[in-house]
Amino acid sequence: MTEKLSAARIKANKKWDDENRERKRYLNSRSAARGFIKNKATADDIEELTKLLANRKQELNLK
């Protein structure tokens, strides 16, 4: 993937980023969380995250 982007593609990407700031933040946060869990989380981290997820599910009224 060493292909360079055209000027039009760079402009389109910037326009999307500017118009979708919150969506981009959401996607970046989700990606960071998944990467942490998959690659760096310890057993203690997993235990704490499991509790946090259970609480969040309750807040969202999920089963």
N, C-alpha and C. Protein backbone atom coordinates (compact mmCIF):
# COMPACT_ATOMS: atom_id res chain seq x y z
N MET A 1 0.82 -1.19 0.00
CA MET A 1 0.00 0.00 0.00
C MET A 1 0.86 1.25 0.00
N THR A 2 1.81 1.27 -0.84
CA THR A 2 2.66 2.44 -0.94
C THR A 2 2.20 3.37 -2.06
N GLU A 3 0.99 3.13 -2.55
CA GLU A 3 0.44 3.98 -3.60
C GLU A 3 0.18 5.37 -3.04
N LYS A 4 0.51 6.37 -3.81
CA LYS A 4 0.26 7.74 -3.39
C LYS A 4 -1.17 8.11 -3.75
N LEU A 5 -1.76 8.95 -2.91
CA LEU A 5 -3.12 9.41 -3.17
C LEU A 5 -3.09 10.60 -4.11
N SER A 6 -4.10 10.65 -4.96
CA SER A 6 -4.20 11.81 -5.86
C SER A 6 -4.63 13.03 -5.05
N ALA A 7 -4.43 14.18 -5.62
CA ALA A 7 -4.83 15.43 -4.96
C ALA A 7 -6.34 15.43 -4.70
N ALA A 8 -7.10 14.88 -5.65
CA ALA A 8 -8.55 14.83 -5.49
C ALA A 8 -8.94 13.93 -4.32
N ARG A 9 -8.26 12.80 -4.17
CA ARG A 9 -8.56 11.87 -3.08
C ARG A 9 -8.18 12.49 -1.74
N ILE A 10 -7.07 13.18 -1.68
CA ILE A 10 -6.64 13.86 -0.45
C ILE A 10 -7.68 14.90 -0.05
N LYS A 11 -8.15 15.67 -1.04
CA LYS A 11 -9.16 16.70 -0.79
C LYS A 11 -10.47 16.06 -0.32
N ALA A 12 -10.87 14.96 -0.95
CA ALA A 12 -12.11 14.27 -0.56
C ALA A 12 -11.99 13.70 0.85
N ASN A 13 -10.83 13.14 1.17
CA ASN A 13 -10.63 12.59 2.52
C ASN A 13 -10.71 13.70 3.56
N LYS A 14 -10.09 14.83 3.28
CA LYS A 14 -10.11 15.95 4.23
C LYS A 14 -11.53 16.46 4.41
N LYS A 15 -12.27 16.56 3.31
CA LYS A 15 -13.65 17.02 3.38
C LYS A 15 -14.48 16.08 4.25
N TRP A 16 -14.33 14.76 4.05
CA TRP A 16 -15.07 13.79 4.86
C TRP A 16 -14.69 13.93 6.33
N ASP A 17 -13.39 14.01 6.61
CA ASP A 17 -12.91 14.17 7.98
C ASP A 17 -13.52 15.41 8.64
N ASP A 18 -13.55 16.52 7.92
CA ASP A 18 -14.08 17.76 8.46
C ASP A 18 -15.59 17.67 8.72
N GLU A 19 -16.30 16.97 7.85
CA GLU A 19 -17.75 16.88 7.98
C GLU A 19 -18.19 15.79 8.94
N ASN A 20 -17.28 14.91 9.32
CA ASN A 20 -17.63 13.77 10.16
C ASN A 20 -16.69 13.63 11.35
N ARG A 21 -16.43 14.74 12.03
CA ARG A 21 -15.47 14.73 13.13
C ARG A 21 -15.85 13.75 14.24
N GLU A 22 -17.10 13.76 14.64
CA GLU A 22 -17.53 12.87 15.73
C GLU A 22 -17.45 11.40 15.32
N ARG A 23 -17.83 11.09 14.11
CA ARG A 23 -17.75 9.71 13.62
C ARG A 23 -16.30 9.25 13.58
N LYS A 24 -15.41 10.13 13.14
CA LYS A 24 -13.99 9.80 13.08
C LYS A 24 -13.45 9.55 14.49
N ARG A 25 -13.82 10.40 15.45
CA ARG A 25 -13.39 10.20 16.84
C ARG A 25 -13.89 8.87 17.38
N TYR A 26 -15.16 8.56 17.09
CA TYR A 26 -15.74 7.29 17.52
C TYR A 26 -14.96 6.11 16.95
N LEU A 27 -14.70 6.13 15.66
CA LEU A 27 -13.98 5.04 15.01
C LEU A 27 -12.56 4.90 15.55
N ASN A 28 -11.88 6.02 15.78
CA ASN A 28 -10.53 5.98 16.32
C ASN A 28 -10.52 5.42 17.74
N SER A 29 -11.49 5.83 18.56
CA SER A 29 -11.57 5.33 19.93
C SER A 29 -11.86 3.83 19.95
N ARG A 30 -12.78 3.41 19.10
CA ARG A 30 -13.13 1.99 19.04
C ARG A 30 -11.93 1.17 18.60
N SER A 31 -11.22 1.65 17.63
CA SER A 31 -10.04 0.95 17.14
C SER A 31 -8.96 0.86 18.23
N ALA A 32 -8.76 1.94 18.95
CA ALA A 32 -7.76 1.94 20.03
C ALA A 32 -8.15 0.95 21.13
N ALA A 33 -9.43 0.93 21.48
CA ALA A 33 -9.89 0.00 22.51
C ALA A 33 -9.69 -1.45 22.08
N ARG A 34 -10.05 -1.76 20.86
CA ARG A 34 -9.89 -3.12 20.35
C ARG A 34 -8.41 -3.51 20.30
N GLY A 35 -7.58 -2.61 19.84
CA GLY A 35 -6.15 -2.88 19.77
C GLY A 35 -5.56 -3.13 21.15
N PHE A 36 -5.98 -2.33 22.13
CA PHE A 36 -5.50 -2.52 23.50
C PHE A 36 -5.91 -3.89 24.02
N ILE A 37 -7.17 -4.23 23.84
CA ILE A 37 -7.67 -5.51 24.35
C ILE A 37 -6.94 -6.67 23.68
N LYS A 38 -6.78 -6.62 22.38
CA LYS A 38 -6.15 -7.71 21.64
C LYS A 38 -4.66 -7.85 21.91
N ASN A 39 -3.96 -6.73 22.11
CA ASN A 39 -2.51 -6.77 22.10
C ASN A 39 -1.81 -6.46 23.42
N LYS A 40 -2.44 -5.74 24.32
CA LYS A 40 -1.72 -5.27 25.49
C LYS A 40 -2.39 -5.54 26.83
N ALA A 41 -3.66 -5.86 26.84
CA ALA A 41 -4.40 -6.01 28.09
C ALA A 41 -3.87 -7.18 28.91
N THR A 42 -3.72 -6.93 30.21
CA THR A 42 -3.32 -7.99 31.14
C THR A 42 -4.58 -8.65 31.69
N ALA A 43 -4.40 -9.70 32.47
CA ALA A 43 -5.54 -10.38 33.08
C ALA A 43 -6.32 -9.41 33.97
N ASP A 44 -5.61 -8.56 34.71
CA ASP A 44 -6.28 -7.57 35.55
C ASP A 44 -7.07 -6.57 34.71
N ASP A 45 -6.50 -6.17 33.60
CA ASP A 45 -7.20 -5.25 32.70
C ASP A 45 -8.49 -5.89 32.18
N ILE A 46 -8.40 -7.14 31.78
CA ILE A 46 -9.56 -7.86 31.24
C ILE A 46 -10.66 -7.94 32.29
N GLU A 47 -10.27 -8.22 33.53
CA GLU A 47 -11.24 -8.31 34.62
C GLU A 47 -11.95 -6.96 34.82
N GLU A 48 -11.17 -5.88 34.85
CA GLU A 48 -11.76 -4.55 35.03
C GLU A 48 -12.65 -4.18 33.85
N LEU A 49 -12.19 -4.46 32.65
CA LEU A 49 -12.97 -4.13 31.46
C LEU A 49 -14.28 -4.92 31.40
N THR A 50 -14.24 -6.16 31.86
CA THR A 50 -15.45 -6.97 31.89
C THR A 50 -16.50 -6.32 32.78
N LYS A 51 -16.07 -5.81 33.94
CA LYS A 51 -17.00 -5.12 34.85
C LYS A 51 -17.53 -3.84 34.22
N LEU A 52 -16.63 -3.09 33.59
CA LEU A 52 -17.06 -1.85 32.94
C LEU A 52 -18.06 -2.12 31.82
N LEU A 53 -17.82 -3.19 31.07
CA LEU A 53 -18.74 -3.55 29.99
C LEU A 53 -20.10 -3.96 30.54
N ALA A 54 -20.12 -4.70 31.64
CA ALA A 54 -21.39 -5.11 32.25
C ALA A 54 -22.18 -3.87 32.70
N ASN A 55 -21.48 -2.91 33.30
CA ASN A 55 -22.14 -1.68 33.74
C ASN A 55 -22.68 -0.90 32.54
N ARG A 56 -21.90 -0.82 31.49
CA ARG A 56 -22.33 -0.08 30.29
C ARG A 56 -23.52 -0.76 29.64
N LYS A 57 -23.53 -2.08 29.60
CA LYS A 57 -24.66 -2.81 29.05
C LYS A 57 -25.94 -2.48 29.83
N GLN A 58 -25.80 -2.42 31.15
CA GLN A 58 -26.95 -2.08 31.99
C GLN A 58 -27.45 -0.67 31.69
N GLU A 59 -26.53 0.26 31.53
CA GLU A 59 -26.91 1.64 31.20
C GLU A 59 -27.68 1.71 29.89
N LEU A 60 -27.29 0.88 28.95
CA LEU A 60 -27.93 0.88 27.64
C LEU A 60 -29.13 -0.06 27.56
N ASN A 61 -29.47 -0.65 28.70
CA ASN A 61 -30.58 -1.60 28.78
C ASN A 61 -30.42 -2.79 27.85
N LEU A 62 -29.20 -3.30 27.78
CA LEU A 62 -28.94 -4.49 26.98
C LEU A 62 -28.94 -5.70 27.90
N LYS A 63 -29.14 -6.86 27.33
CA LYS A 63 -29.14 -8.09 28.14
C LYS A 63 -27.75 -8.58 28.39
